[in-house]
Amino acid sequence: MLDRPELIEAFLLSKLAARKYEVFALVLLSKRNRLIEYVEAARGTLDITTIYSREIVRIALSRNASGVIFAHNHPSNDSSPSDADVNMTRRLRDALGHVDIRVIDHLVFGKTVTSFAMRGLLRT
């Protein structure tokens, strides 16, 4: 069960750390924050992945998720979120908010892990 932040990080690290290209993944959660499914929603290149809000909303709704954690890797090993990462996260948060799905966090994996929630980047 992925019921603590360190377990979620370890799980996602095992999925994303060795990738040589960017992967954008979703951890879909129930109303009680229980794992429904891990979904790799998009695969990109060395430094970019195209994410479509419509597709992310479709995936979350099809699994009946109440919450979601976004995760993606930076093959450069720099886990600092880019401006594009921040803007995309806000766009996805707003789209999911319209259908009552909350964004709990967005984790960026590189040499270290950066949490949007811990940095206050999920606020409006």
PDB file of N, CA and C in Angstrom:
ATOM      1  N   MET A   1       0.848  -1.181   0.000  1.00  0.00           N
ATOM      2  CA  MET A   1       0.000   0.000   0.000  1.00  0.00           C
ATOM      3  C   MET A   1       0.893   1.245   0.000  1.00  0.00           C
ATOM      4  N   LEU A   2       0.552   2.208  -0.817  1.00  0.00           N
ATOM      5  CA  LEU A   2       1.315   3.449  -0.917  1.00  0.00           C
ATOM      6  C   LEU A   2       0.636   4.521  -0.075  1.00  0.00           C
ATOM      7  N   ASP A   3       0.800   4.426   1.224  1.00  0.00           N
ATOM      8  CA  ASP A   3       0.073   5.327   2.113  1.00  0.00           C
ATOM      9  C   ASP A   3       0.955   6.380   2.778  1.00  0.00           C
ATOM     10  N   ARG A   4       2.226   6.447   2.410  1.00  0.00           N
ATOM     11  CA  ARG A   4       3.123   7.457   2.968  1.00  0.00           C
ATOM     12  C   ARG A   4       3.947   8.066   1.840  1.00  0.00           C
ATOM     13  N   PRO A   5       4.267   9.359   1.939  1.00  0.00           N
ATOM     14  CA  PRO A   5       5.021  10.012   0.864  1.00  0.00           C
ATOM     15  C   PRO A   5       6.315   9.293   0.484  1.00  0.00           C
ATOM     16  N   GLU A   6       7.046   8.764   1.469  1.00  0.00           N
ATOM     17  CA  GLU A   6       8.311   8.100   1.146  1.00  0.00           C
ATOM     18  C   GLU A   6       8.093   6.799   0.368  1.00  0.00           C
ATOM     19  N   LEU A   7       6.962   6.133   0.593  1.00  0.00           N
ATOM     20  CA  LEU A   7       6.652   4.930  -0.179  1.00  0.00           C
ATOM     21  C   LEU A   7       6.280   5.281  -1.609  1.00  0.00           C
ATOM     22  N   ILE A   8       5.536   6.357  -1.775  1.00  0.00           N
ATOM     23  CA  ILE A   8       5.170   6.817  -3.118  1.00  0.00           C
ATOM     24  C   ILE A   8       6.423   7.201  -3.884  1.00  0.00           C
ATOM     25  N   GLU A   9       7.321   7.955  -3.239  1.00  0.00           N
ATOM     26  CA  GLU A   9       8.578   8.342  -3.894  1.00  0.00           C
ATOM     27  C   GLU A   9       9.402   7.130  -4.297  1.00  0.00           C
ATOM     28  N   ALA A  10       9.538   6.161  -3.405  1.00  0.00           N
ATOM     29  CA  ALA A  10      10.321   4.959  -3.705  1.00  0.00           C
ATOM     30  C   ALA A  10       9.700   4.175  -4.863  1.00  0.00           C
ATOM     31  N   PHE A  11       8.378   4.049  -4.860  1.00  0.00           N
ATOM     32  CA  PHE A  11       7.675   3.355  -5.927  1.00  0.00           C
ATOM     33  C   PHE A  11       7.925   4.043  -7.266  1.00  0.00           C
ATOM     34  N   LEU A  12       7.749   5.368  -7.286  1.00  0.00           N
ATOM     35  CA  LEU A  12       7.922   6.114  -8.533  1.00  0.00           C
ATOM     36  C   LEU A  12       9.381   6.130  -8.984  1.00  0.00           C
ATOM     37  N   LEU A  13      10.297   6.207  -8.051  1.00  0.00           N
ATOM     38  CA  LEU A  13      11.720   6.162  -8.382  1.00  0.00           C
ATOM     39  C   LEU A  13      12.049   4.849  -9.093  1.00  0.00           C
ATOM     40  N   SER A  14      11.473   3.754  -8.619  1.00  0.00           N
ATOM     41  CA  SER A  14      11.723   2.455  -9.251  1.00  0.00           C
ATOM     42  C   SER A  14      11.169   2.409 -10.677  1.00  0.00           C
ATOM     43  N   LYS A  15      10.139   3.178 -10.940  1.00  0.00           N
ATOM     44  CA  LYS A  15       9.522   3.198 -12.271  1.00  0.00           C
ATOM     45  C   LYS A  15      10.218   4.163 -13.236  1.00  0.00           C
ATOM     46  N   LEU A  16      10.749   5.281 -12.708  1.00  0.00           N
ATOM     47  CA  LEU A  16      11.197   6.369 -13.583  1.00  0.00           C
ATOM     48  C   LEU A  16      12.704   6.623 -13.611  1.00  0.00           C
ATOM     49  N   ALA A  17      13.436   6.178 -12.626  1.00  0.00           N
ATOM     50  CA  ALA A  17      14.838   6.587 -12.464  1.00  0.00           C
ATOM     51  C   ALA A  17      15.741   6.218 -13.635  1.00  0.00           C
ATOM     52  N   ALA A  18      15.623   5.049 -14.172  1.00  0.00           N
ATOM     53  CA  ALA A  18      16.565   4.582 -15.186  1.00  0.00           C
ATOM     54  C   ALA A  18      16.181   4.973 -16.608  1.00  0.00           C
ATOM     55  N   ARG A  19      15.099   5.686 -16.775  1.00  0.00           N
ATOM     56  CA  ARG A  19      14.633   6.032 -18.120  1.00  0.00           C
ATOM     57  C   ARG A  19      15.569   7.046 -18.778  1.00  0.00           C
ATOM     58  N   LYS A  20      15.830   6.842 -20.034  1.00  0.00           N
ATOM     59  CA  LYS A  20      16.700   7.742 -20.812  1.00  0.00           C
ATOM     60  C   LYS A  20      15.889   8.787 -21.572  1.00  0.00           C
ATOM     61  N   TYR A  21      14.588   8.769 -21.382  1.00  0.00           N
ATOM     62  CA  TYR A  21      13.672   9.714 -22.009  1.00  0.00           C
ATOM     63  C   TYR A  21      12.650  10.108 -20.951  1.00  0.00           C
ATOM     64  N   GLU A  22      11.978  11.238 -21.177  1.00  0.00           N
ATOM     65  CA  GLU A  22      10.974  11.690 -20.208  1.00  0.00           C
ATOM     66  C   GLU A  22       9.727  10.822 -20.274  1.00  0.00           C
ATOM     67  N   VAL A  23       9.199  10.549 -19.085  1.00  0.00           N
ATOM     68  CA  VAL A  23       7.934   9.828 -18.944  1.00  0.00           C
ATOM     69  C   VAL A  23       7.074  10.643 -17.985  1.00  0.00           C
ATOM     70  N   PHE A  24       5.824  10.877 -18.360  1.00  0.00           N
ATOM     71  CA  PHE A  24       4.875  11.557 -17.493  1.00  0.00           C
ATOM     72  C   PHE A  24       3.881  10.511 -17.016  1.00  0.00           C
ATOM     73  N   ALA A  25       3.808  10.339 -15.695  1.00  0.00           N
ATOM     74  CA  ALA A  25       2.980   9.282 -15.114  1.00  0.00           C
ATOM     75  C   ALA A  25       1.950   9.846 -14.146  1.00  0.00           C
ATOM     76  N   LEU A  26       0.918   9.062 -13.924  1.00  0.00           N
ATOM     77  CA  LEU A  26      -0.141   9.397 -12.980  1.00  0.00           C
ATOM     78  C   LEU A  26      -0.232   8.303 -11.932  1.00  0.00           C
ATOM     79  N   VAL A  27      -0.361   8.702 -10.691  1.00  0.00           N
ATOM     80  CA  VAL A  27      -0.729   7.784  -9.623  1.00  0.00           C
ATOM     81  C   VAL A  27      -2.168   8.151  -9.292  1.00  0.00           C
ATOM     82  N   LEU A  28      -3.087   7.272  -9.675  1.00  0.00           N
ATOM     83  CA  LEU A  28      -4.507   7.535  -9.506  1.00  0.00           C
ATOM     84  C   LEU A  28      -4.955   6.990  -8.155  1.00  0.00           C
ATOM     85  N   LEU A  29      -5.672   7.820  -7.414  1.00  0.00           N
ATOM     86  CA  LEU A  29      -6.032   7.496  -6.041  1.00  0.00           C
ATOM     87  C   LEU A  29      -7.539   7.534  -5.819  1.00  0.00           C
ATOM     88  N   SER A  30      -7.986   6.700  -4.892  1.00  0.00           N
ATOM     89  CA  SER A  30      -9.392   6.677  -4.495  1.00  0.00           C
ATOM     90  C   SER A  30      -9.673   7.845  -3.547  1.00  0.00           C
ATOM     91  N   LYS A  31     -10.923   7.950  -3.142  1.00  0.00           N
ATOM     92  CA  LYS A  31     -11.326   8.996  -2.204  1.00  0.00           C
ATOM     93  C   LYS A  31     -10.547   8.909  -0.898  1.00  0.00           C
ATOM     94  N   ARG A  32     -10.139   7.705  -0.503  1.00  0.00           N
ATOM     95  CA  ARG A  32      -9.361   7.496   0.731  1.00  0.00           C
ATOM     96  C   ARG A  32      -7.855   7.430   0.466  1.00  0.00           C
ATOM     97  N   ASN A  33      -7.454   7.953  -0.683  1.00  0.00           N
ATOM     98  CA  ASN A  33      -6.044   7.998  -1.091  1.00  0.00           C
ATOM     99  C   ASN A  33      -5.397   6.622  -1.223  1.00  0.00           C
ATOM    100  N   ARG A  34      -6.183   5.642  -1.612  1.00  0.00           N
ATOM    101  CA  ARG A  34      -5.641   4.316  -1.897  1.00  0.00           C
ATOM    102  C   ARG A  34      -5.319   4.239  -3.391  1.00  0.00           C
ATOM    103  N   LEU A  35      -4.236   3.534  -3.696  1.00  0.00           N
ATOM    104  CA  LEU A  35      -3.811   3.400  -5.080  1.00  0.00           C
ATOM    105  C   LEU A  35      -4.857   2.666  -5.912  1.00  0.00           C
ATOM    106  N   ILE A  36      -5.263   3.297  -7.001  1.00  0.00           N
ATOM    107  CA  ILE A  36      -6.120   2.647  -7.992  1.00  0.00           C
ATOM    108  C   ILE A  36      -5.233   2.057  -9.078  1.00  0.00           C
ATOM    109  N   GLU A  37      -4.325   2.908  -9.598  1.00  0.00           N
ATOM    110  CA  GLU A  37      -3.489   2.454 -10.706  1.00  0.00           C
ATOM    111  C   GLU A  37      -2.357   3.447 -10.953  1.00  0.00           C
ATOM    112  N   TYR A  38      -1.245   2.924 -11.432  1.00  0.00           N
ATOM    113  CA  TYR A  38      -0.131   3.722 -11.940  1.00  0.00           C
ATOM    114  C   TYR A  38      -0.244   3.689 -13.455  1.00  0.00           C
ATOM    115  N   VAL A  39      -0.242   4.861 -14.086  1.00  0.00           N
ATOM    116  CA  VAL A  39      -0.401   4.936 -15.537  1.00  0.00           C
ATOM    117  C   VAL A  39       0.680   5.831 -16.123  1.00  0.00           C
ATOM    118  N   GLU A  40       1.411   5.309 -17.087  1.00  0.00           N
ATOM    119  CA  GLU A  40       2.346   6.143 -17.845  1.00  0.00           C
ATOM    120  C   GLU A  40       1.542   6.778 -18.969  1.00  0.00           C
ATOM    121  N   ALA A  41       1.258   8.054 -18.803  1.00  0.00           N
ATOM    122  CA  ALA A  41       0.331   8.758 -19.697  1.00  0.00           C
ATOM    123  C   ALA A  41       0.998   9.307 -20.943  1.00  0.00           C
ATOM    124  N   ALA A  42       2.309   9.549 -20.873  1.00  0.00           N
ATOM    125  CA  ALA A  42       2.998  10.109 -22.033  1.00  0.00           C
ATOM    126  C   ALA A  42       4.482   9.778 -21.965  1.00  0.00           C
ATOM    127  N   ARG A  43       5.060   9.592 -23.126  1.00  0.00           N
ATOM    128  CA  ARG A  43       6.493   9.358 -23.251  1.00  0.00           C
ATOM    129  C   ARG A  43       7.038  10.390 -24.213  1.00  0.00           C
ATOM    130  N   GLY A  44       8.158  10.985 -23.844  1.00  0.00           N
ATOM    131  CA  GLY A  44       8.724  12.028 -24.668  1.00  0.00           C
ATOM    132  C   GLY A  44      10.118  11.710 -25.158  1.00  0.00           C
ATOM    133  N   THR A  45      10.909  12.752 -25.259  1.00  0.00           N
ATOM    134  CA  THR A  45      12.283  12.635 -25.719  1.00  0.00           C
ATOM    135  C   THR A  45      13.207  12.885 -24.531  1.00  0.00           C
ATOM    136  N   LEU A  46      14.418  13.254 -24.823  1.00  0.00           N
ATOM    137  CA  LEU A  46      15.411  13.505 -23.782  1.00  0.00           C
ATOM    138  C   LEU A  46      15.009  14.639 -22.853  1.00  0.00           C
ATOM    139  N   ASP A  47      14.299  15.647 -23.386  1.00  0.00           N
ATOM    140  CA  ASP A  47      14.024  16.824 -22.563  1.00  0.00           C
ATOM    141  C   ASP A  47      12.626  17.409 -22.702  1.00  0.00           C
ATOM    142  N   ILE A  48      11.720  16.678 -23.319  1.00  0.00           N
ATOM    143  CA  ILE A  48      10.363  17.219 -23.455  1.00  0.00           C
ATOM    144  C   ILE A  48       9.356  16.085 -23.631  1.00  0.00           C
ATOM    145  N   THR A  49       8.181  16.304 -23.069  1.00  0.00           N
ATOM    146  CA  THR A  49       7.051  15.394 -23.237  1.00  0.00           C
ATOM    147  C   THR A  49       5.815  16.242 -23.471  1.00  0.00           C
ATOM    148  N   THR A  50       5.002  15.864 -24.427  1.00  0.00           N
ATOM    149  CA  THR A  50       3.770  16.587 -24.704  1.00  0.00           C
ATOM    150  C   THR A  50       2.639  15.953 -23.898  1.00  0.00           C
ATOM    151  N   ILE A  51       1.966  16.797 -23.111  1.00  0.00           N
ATOM    152  CA  ILE A  51       0.877  16.347 -22.252  1.00  0.00           C
ATOM    153  C   ILE A  51      -0.405  17.038 -22.712  1.00  0.00           C
ATOM    154  N   TYR A  52      -1.466  16.263 -22.875  1.00  0.00           N
ATOM    155  CA  TYR A  52      -2.754  16.815 -23.284  1.00  0.00           C
ATOM    156  C   TYR A  52      -3.733  16.730 -22.122  1.00  0.00           C
ATOM    157  N   SER A  53      -4.251  17.864 -21.699  1.00  0.00           N
ATOM    158  CA  SER A  53      -5.193  17.911 -20.577  1.00  0.00           C
ATOM    159  C   SER A  53      -6.362  16.975 -20.785  1.00  0.00           C
ATOM    160  N   ARG A  54      -6.897  16.972 -21.961  1.00  0.00           N
ATOM    161  CA  ARG A  54      -8.052  16.141 -22.281  1.00  0.00           C
ATOM    162  C   ARG A  54      -7.769  14.663 -21.994  1.00  0.00           C
ATOM    163  N   GLU A  55      -6.566  14.206 -22.363  1.00  0.00           N
ATOM    164  CA  GLU A  55      -6.191  12.807 -22.166  1.00  0.00           C
ATOM    165  C   GLU A  55      -6.014  12.484 -20.683  1.00  0.00           C
ATOM    166  N   ILE A  56      -5.428  13.410 -19.932  1.00  0.00           N
ATOM    167  CA  ILE A  56      -5.225  13.197 -18.495  1.00  0.00           C
ATOM    168  C   ILE A  56      -6.577  13.128 -17.787  1.00  0.00           C
ATOM    169  N   VAL A  57      -7.485  14.023 -18.134  1.00  0.00           N
ATOM    170  CA  VAL A  57      -8.833  14.002 -17.537  1.00  0.00           C
ATOM    171  C   VAL A  57      -9.550  12.702 -17.908  1.00  0.00           C
ATOM    172  N   ARG A  58      -9.436  12.277 -19.155  1.00  0.00           N
ATOM    173  CA  ARG A  58     -10.075  11.036 -19.604  1.00  0.00           C
ATOM    174  C   ARG A  58      -9.563   9.837 -18.800  1.00  0.00           C
ATOM    175  N   ILE A  59      -8.241   9.750 -18.631  1.00  0.00           N
ATOM    176  CA  ILE A  59      -7.655   8.636 -17.878  1.00  0.00           C
ATOM    177  C   ILE A  59      -8.172   8.642 -16.441  1.00  0.00           C
ATOM    178  N   ALA A  60      -8.126   9.792 -15.785  1.00  0.00           N
ATOM    179  CA  ALA A  60      -8.551   9.882 -14.381  1.00  0.00           C
ATOM    180  C   ALA A  60     -10.031   9.533 -14.224  1.00  0.00           C
ATOM    181  N   LEU A  61     -10.870  10.024 -15.106  1.00  0.00           N
ATOM    182  CA  LEU A  61     -12.303   9.725 -15.027  1.00  0.00           C
ATOM    183  C   LEU A  61     -12.584   8.253 -15.309  1.00  0.00           C
ATOM    184  N   SER A  62     -11.863   7.668 -16.260  1.00  0.00           N
ATOM    185  CA  SER A  62     -12.116   6.274 -16.625  1.00  0.00           C
ATOM    186  C   SER A  62     -11.756   5.311 -15.500  1.00  0.00           C
ATOM    187  N   ARG A  63     -10.877   5.743 -14.588  1.00  0.00           N
ATOM    188  CA  ARG A  63     -10.486   4.901 -13.450  1.00  0.00           C
ATOM    189  C   ARG A  63     -11.228   5.298 -12.175  1.00  0.00           C
ATOM    190  N   ASN A  64     -12.145   6.257 -12.308  1.00  0.00           N
ATOM    191  CA  ASN A  64     -12.933   6.745 -11.176  1.00  0.00           C
ATOM    192  C   ASN A  64     -12.046   7.295 -10.051  1.00  0.00           C
ATOM    193  N   ALA A  65     -11.003   7.994 -10.426  1.00  0.00           N
ATOM    194  CA  ALA A  65     -10.064   8.563  -9.445  1.00  0.00           C
ATOM    195  C   ALA A  65     -10.660   9.790  -8.774  1.00  0.00           C
ATOM    196  N   SER A  66     -10.345   9.945  -7.505  1.00  0.00           N
ATOM    197  CA  SER A  66     -10.713  11.151  -6.759  1.00  0.00           C
ATOM    198  C   SER A  66      -9.527  12.082  -6.605  1.00  0.00           C
ATOM    199  N   GLY A  67      -8.326  11.505  -6.725  1.00  0.00           N
ATOM    200  CA  GLY A  67      -7.109  12.289  -6.595  1.00  0.00           C
ATOM    201  C   GLY A  67      -6.037  11.743  -7.510  1.00  0.00           C
ATOM    202  N   VAL A  68      -5.035  12.563  -7.745  1.00  0.00           N
ATOM    203  CA  VAL A  68      -3.947  12.152  -8.629  1.00  0.00           C
ATOM    204  C   VAL A  68      -2.639  12.779  -8.163  1.00  0.00           C
ATOM    205  N   ILE A  69      -1.585  12.022  -8.332  1.00  0.00           N
ATOM    206  CA  ILE A  69      -0.229  12.539  -8.156  1.00  0.00           C
ATOM    207  C   ILE A  69       0.427  12.431  -9.522  1.00  0.00           C
ATOM    208  N   PHE A  70       0.959  13.538 -10.007  1.00  0.00           N
ATOM    209  CA  PHE A  70       1.711  13.526 -11.251  1.00  0.00           C
ATOM    210  C   PHE A  70       3.164  13.214 -10.926  1.00  0.00           C
ATOM    211  N   ALA A  71       3.836  12.578 -11.853  1.00  0.00           N
ATOM    212  CA  ALA A  71       5.269  12.339 -11.698  1.00  0.00           C
ATOM    213  C   ALA A  71       5.907  12.308 -13.077  1.00  0.00           C
ATOM    214  N   HIS A  72       7.076  12.896 -13.157  1.00  0.00           N
ATOM    215  CA  HIS A  72       7.857  12.730 -14.379  1.00  0.00           C
ATOM    216  C   HIS A  72       9.332  12.823 -14.046  1.00  0.00           C
ATOM    217  N   ASN A  73      10.125  12.295 -14.927  1.00  0.00           N
ATOM    218  CA  ASN A  73      11.566  12.279 -14.733  1.00  0.00           C
ATOM    219  C   ASN A  73      12.236  13.307 -15.638  1.00  0.00           C
ATOM    220  N   HIS A  74      13.401  13.743 -15.215  1.00  0.00           N
ATOM    221  CA  HIS A  74      14.280  14.568 -16.035  1.00  0.00           C
ATOM    222  C   HIS A  74      15.553  13.758 -16.272  1.00  0.00           C
ATOM    223  N   PRO A  75      15.732  13.205 -17.465  1.00  0.00           N
ATOM    224  CA  PRO A  75      16.922  12.404 -17.743  1.00  0.00           C
ATOM    225  C   PRO A  75      18.233  13.161 -17.523  1.00  0.00           C
ATOM    226  N   SER A  76      18.178  14.487 -17.498  1.00  0.00           N
ATOM    227  CA  SER A  76      19.367  15.302 -17.230  1.00  0.00           C
ATOM    228  C   SER A  76      19.811  15.184 -15.775  1.00  0.00           C
ATOM    229  N   ASN A  77      18.955  14.594 -14.942  1.00  0.00           N
ATOM    230  CA  ASN A  77      19.158  14.450 -13.489  1.00  0.00           C
ATOM    231  C   ASN A  77      18.949  15.731 -12.706  1.00  0.00           C
ATOM    232  N   ASP A  78      18.529  16.814 -13.353  1.00  0.00           N
ATOM    233  CA  ASP A  78      18.187  18.056 -12.656  1.00  0.00           C
ATOM    234  C   ASP A  78      16.694  18.024 -12.367  1.00  0.00           C
ATOM    235  N   SER A  79      16.346  17.886 -11.099  1.00  0.00           N
ATOM    236  CA  SER A  79      14.921  17.762 -10.754  1.00  0.00           C
ATOM    237  C   SER A  79      14.211  19.098 -10.574  1.00  0.00           C
ATOM    238  N   SER A  80      14.877  20.187 -10.908  1.00  0.00           N
ATOM    239  CA  SER A  80      14.234  21.504 -10.810  1.00  0.00           C
ATOM    240  C   SER A  80      13.110  21.597 -11.832  1.00  0.00           C
ATOM    241  N   PRO A  81      11.902  21.971 -11.399  1.00  0.00           N
ATOM    242  CA  PRO A  81      10.810  22.109 -12.366  1.00  0.00           C
ATOM    243  C   PRO A  81      11.048  23.310 -13.281  1.00  0.00           C
ATOM    244  N   SER A  82      10.799  23.105 -14.552  1.00  0.00           N
ATOM    245  CA  SER A  82      10.911  24.195 -15.518  1.00  0.00           C
ATOM    246  C   SER A  82       9.640  25.048 -15.464  1.00  0.00           C
ATOM    247  N   ASP A  83       9.683  26.207 -16.095  1.00  0.00           N
ATOM    248  CA  ASP A  83       8.476  27.033 -16.207  1.00  0.00           C
ATOM    249  C   ASP A  83       7.375  26.258 -16.936  1.00  0.00           C
ATOM    250  N   ALA A  84       7.770  25.485 -17.949  1.00  0.00           N
ATOM    251  CA  ALA A  84       6.786  24.675 -18.683  1.00  0.00           C
ATOM    252  C   ALA A  84       6.159  23.627 -17.763  1.00  0.00           C
ATOM    253  N   ASP A  85       6.947  23.028 -16.867  1.00  0.00           N
ATOM    254  CA  ASP A  85       6.412  22.058 -15.904  1.00  0.00           C
ATOM    255  C   ASP A  85       5.377  22.711 -14.995  1.00  0.00           C
ATOM    256  N   VAL A  86       5.702  23.898 -14.496  1.00  0.00           N
ATOM    257  CA  VAL A  86       4.802  24.616 -13.589  1.00  0.00           C
ATOM    258  C   VAL A  86       3.510  24.995 -14.314  1.00  0.00           C
ATOM    259  N   ASN A  87       3.629  25.535 -15.520  1.00  0.00           N
ATOM    260  CA  ASN A  87       2.440  25.946 -16.282  1.00  0.00           C
ATOM    261  C   ASN A  87       1.566  24.752 -16.647  1.00  0.00           C
ATOM    262  N   MET A  88       2.188  23.651 -17.061  1.00  0.00           N
ATOM    263  CA  MET A  88       1.439  22.456 -17.416  1.00  0.00           C
ATOM    264  C   MET A  88       0.713  21.896 -16.197  1.00  0.00           C
ATOM    265  N   THR A  89       1.372  21.895 -15.049  1.00  0.00           N
ATOM    266  CA  THR A  89       0.752  21.383 -13.819  1.00  0.00           C
ATOM    267  C   THR A  89      -0.456  22.216 -13.442  1.00  0.00           C
ATOM    268  N   ARG A  90      -0.347  23.515 -13.537  1.00  0.00           N
ATOM    269  CA  ARG A  90      -1.488  24.389 -13.229  1.00  0.00           C
ATOM    270  C   ARG A  90      -2.633  24.162 -14.205  1.00  0.00           C
ATOM    271  N   ARG A  91      -2.302  23.981 -15.477  1.00  0.00           N
ATOM    272  CA  ARG A  91      -3.330  23.729 -16.493  1.00  0.00           C
ATOM    273  C   ARG A  91      -4.054  22.411 -16.200  1.00  0.00           C
ATOM    274  N   LEU A  92      -3.295  21.371 -15.843  1.00  0.00           N
ATOM    275  CA  LEU A  92      -3.894  20.078 -15.517  1.00  0.00           C
ATOM    276  C   LEU A  92      -4.701  20.149 -14.228  1.00  0.00           C
ATOM    277  N   ARG A  93      -4.176  20.854 -13.231  1.00  0.00           N
ATOM    278  CA  ARG A  93      -4.891  21.008 -11.954  1.00  0.00           C
ATOM    279  C   ARG A  93      -6.243  21.669 -12.199  1.00  0.00           C
ATOM    280  N   ASP A  94      -6.260  22.711 -13.019  1.00  0.00           N
ATOM    281  CA  ASP A  94      -7.513  23.405 -13.314  1.00  0.00           C
ATOM    282  C   ASP A  94      -8.490  22.506 -14.074  1.00  0.00           C
ATOM    283  N   ALA A  95      -7.992  21.768 -15.065  1.00  0.00           N
ATOM    284  CA  ALA A  95      -8.860  20.881 -15.851  1.00  0.00           C
ATOM    285  C   ALA A  95      -9.452  19.790 -14.968  1.00  0.00           C
ATOM    286  N   LEU A  96      -8.632  19.183 -14.125  1.00  0.00           N
ATOM    287  CA  LEU A  96      -9.124  18.130 -13.232  1.00  0.00           C
ATOM    288  C   LEU A  96     -10.054  18.689 -12.158  1.00  0.00           C
ATOM    289  N   GLY A  97      -9.792  19.903 -11.726  1.00  0.00           N
ATOM    290  CA  GLY A  97     -10.651  20.538 -10.730  1.00  0.00           C
ATOM    291  C   GLY A  97     -12.075  20.708 -11.212  1.00  0.00           C
ATOM    292  N   HIS A  98     -12.257  20.900 -12.520  1.00  0.00           N
ATOM    293  CA  HIS A  98     -13.602  21.050 -13.084  1.00  0.00           C
ATOM    294  C   HIS A  98     -14.425  19.777 -12.969  1.00  0.00           C
ATOM    295  N   VAL A  99     -13.741  18.629 -12.780  1.00  0.00           N
ATOM    296  CA  VAL A  99     -14.468  17.371 -12.630  1.00  0.00           C
ATOM    297  C   VAL A  99     -14.222  16.773 -11.235  1.00  0.00           C
ATOM    298  N   ASP A 100     -13.886  17.651 -10.285  1.00  0.00           N
ATOM    299  CA  ASP A 100     -13.752  17.282  -8.870  1.00  0.00           C
ATOM    300  C   ASP A 100     -12.679  16.225  -8.586  1.00  0.00           C
ATOM    301  N   ILE A 101     -11.580  16.282  -9.324  1.00  0.00           N
ATOM    302  CA  ILE A 101     -10.433  15.421  -9.046  1.00  0.00           C
ATOM    303  C   ILE A 101      -9.314  16.327  -8.559  1.00  0.00           C
ATOM    304  N   ARG A 102      -8.802  16.030  -7.364  1.00  0.00           N
ATOM    305  CA  ARG A 102      -7.780  16.898  -6.775  1.00  0.00           C
ATOM    306  C   ARG A 102      -6.377  16.428  -7.147  1.00  0.00           C
ATOM    307  N   VAL A 103      -5.516  17.403  -7.373  1.00  0.00           N
ATOM    308  CA  VAL A 103      -4.102  17.123  -7.623  1.00  0.00           C
ATOM    309  C   VAL A 103      -3.392  17.230  -6.290  1.00  0.00           C
ATOM    310  N   ILE A 104      -2.819  16.135  -5.844  1.00  0.00           N
ATOM    311  CA  ILE A 104      -2.180  16.073  -4.539  1.00  0.00           C
ATOM    312  C   ILE A 104      -0.736  16.535  -4.607  1.00  0.00           C
ATOM    313  N   ASP A 105      -0.043  16.179  -5.676  1.00  0.00           N
ATOM    314  CA  ASP A 105       1.356  16.583  -5.820  1.00  0.00           C
ATOM    315  C   ASP A 105       1.800  16.323  -7.247  1.00  0.00           C
ATOM    316  N   HIS A 106       2.941  16.907  -7.573  1.00  0.00           N
ATOM    317  CA  HIS A 106       3.656  16.614  -8.813  1.00  0.00           C
ATOM    318  C   HIS A 106       5.102  16.429  -8.407  1.00  0.00           C
ATOM    319  N   LEU A 107       5.631  15.247  -8.636  1.00  0.00           N
ATOM    320  CA  LEU A 107       7.002  14.931  -8.260  1.00  0.00           C
ATOM    321  C   LEU A 107       7.863  14.873  -9.510  1.00  0.00           C
ATOM    322  N   VAL A 108       9.010  15.551  -9.450  1.00  0.00           N
ATOM    323  CA  VAL A 108       9.970  15.543 -10.552  1.00  0.00           C
ATOM    324  C   VAL A 108      11.197  14.783 -10.071  1.00  0.00           C
ATOM    325  N   PHE A 109      11.576  13.762 -10.835  1.00  0.00           N
ATOM    326  CA  PHE A 109      12.688  12.903 -10.466  1.00  0.00           C
ATOM    327  C   PHE A 109      13.912  13.204 -11.309  1.00  0.00           C
ATOM    328  N   GLY A 110      15.003  13.426 -10.639  1.00  0.00           N
ATOM    329  CA  GLY A 110      16.314  13.573 -11.245  1.00  0.00           C
ATOM    330  C   GLY A 110      17.289  12.929 -10.300  1.00  0.00           C
ATOM    331  N   LYS A 111      18.379  13.602 -10.027  1.00  0.00           N
ATOM    332  CA  LYS A 111      19.304  13.092  -9.013  1.00  0.00           C
ATOM    333  C   LYS A 111      18.635  13.116  -7.637  1.00  0.00           C
ATOM    334  N   THR A 112      17.751  14.084  -7.443  1.00  0.00           N
ATOM    335  CA  THR A 112      16.932  14.187  -6.242  1.00  0.00           C
ATOM    336  C   THR A 112      15.470  14.215  -6.677  1.00  0.00           C
ATOM    337  N   VAL A 113      14.559  14.388  -5.734  1.00  0.00           N
ATOM    338  CA  VAL A 113      13.126  14.474  -6.036  1.00  0.00           C
ATOM    339  C   VAL A 113      12.636  15.850  -5.613  1.00  0.00           C
ATOM    340  N   THR A 114      11.895  16.505  -6.483  1.00  0.00           N
ATOM    341  CA  THR A 114      11.283  17.789  -6.166  1.00  0.00           C
ATOM    342  C   THR A 114       9.776  17.616  -6.094  1.00  0.00           C
ATOM    343  N   SER A 115       9.192  18.088  -5.003  1.00  0.00           N
ATOM    344  CA  SER A 115       7.753  18.024  -4.789  1.00  0.00           C
ATOM    345  C   SER A 115       7.146  19.409  -4.999  1.00  0.00           C
ATOM    346  N   PHE A 116       6.188  19.508  -5.916  1.00  0.00           N
ATOM    347  CA  PHE A 116       5.486  20.769  -6.120  1.00  0.00           C
ATOM    348  C   PHE A 116       4.753  21.183  -4.857  1.00  0.00           C
ATOM    349  N   ALA A 117       4.142  20.218  -4.171  1.00  0.00           N
ATOM    350  CA  ALA A 117       3.389  20.537  -2.952  1.00  0.00           C
ATOM    351  C   ALA A 117       4.303  21.138  -1.901  1.00  0.00           C
ATOM    352  N   MET A 118       5.464  20.546  -1.698  1.00  0.00           N
ATOM    353  CA  MET A 118       6.401  21.033  -0.685  1.00  0.00           C
ATOM    354  C   MET A 118       6.948  22.417  -1.037  1.00  0.00           C
ATOM    355  N   ARG A 119       7.020  22.720  -2.335  1.00  0.00           N
ATOM    356  CA  ARG A 119       7.515  24.034  -2.772  1.00  0.00           C
ATOM    357  C   ARG A 119       6.397  25.067  -2.895  1.00  0.00           C
ATOM    358  N   GLY A 120       5.169  24.678  -2.635  1.00  0.00           N
ATOM    359  CA  GLY A 120       4.052  25.613  -2.737  1.00  0.00           C
ATOM    360  C   GLY A 120       3.644  25.925  -4.163  1.00  0.00           C
ATOM    361  N   LEU A 121       3.999  25.058  -5.116  1.00  0.00           N
ATOM    362  CA  LEU A 121       3.724  25.315  -6.531  1.00  0.00           C
ATOM    363  C   LEU A 121       2.340  24.856  -6.982  1.00  0.00           C
ATOM    364  N   LEU A 122       1.583  24.241  -6.104  1.00  0.00           N
ATOM    365  CA  LEU A 122       0.231  23.809  -6.482  1.00  0.00           C
ATOM    366  C   LEU A 122      -0.834  24.846  -6.163  1.00  0.00           C
ATOM    367  N   ARG A 123      -0.438  25.872  -5.433  1.00  0.00           N
ATOM    368  CA  ARG A 123      -1.394  26.931  -5.095  1.00  0.00           C
ATOM    369  C   ARG A 123      -1.658  27.801  -6.310  1.00  0.00           C
ATOM    370  N   THR A 124      -2.779  28.445  -6.286  1.00  0.00           N
ATOM    371  CA  THR A 124      -3.174  29.321  -7.395  1.00  0.00           C
ATOM    372  C   THR A 124      -2.287  30.522  -7.495  1.00  0.00           C
TER     373      THR A 124
END
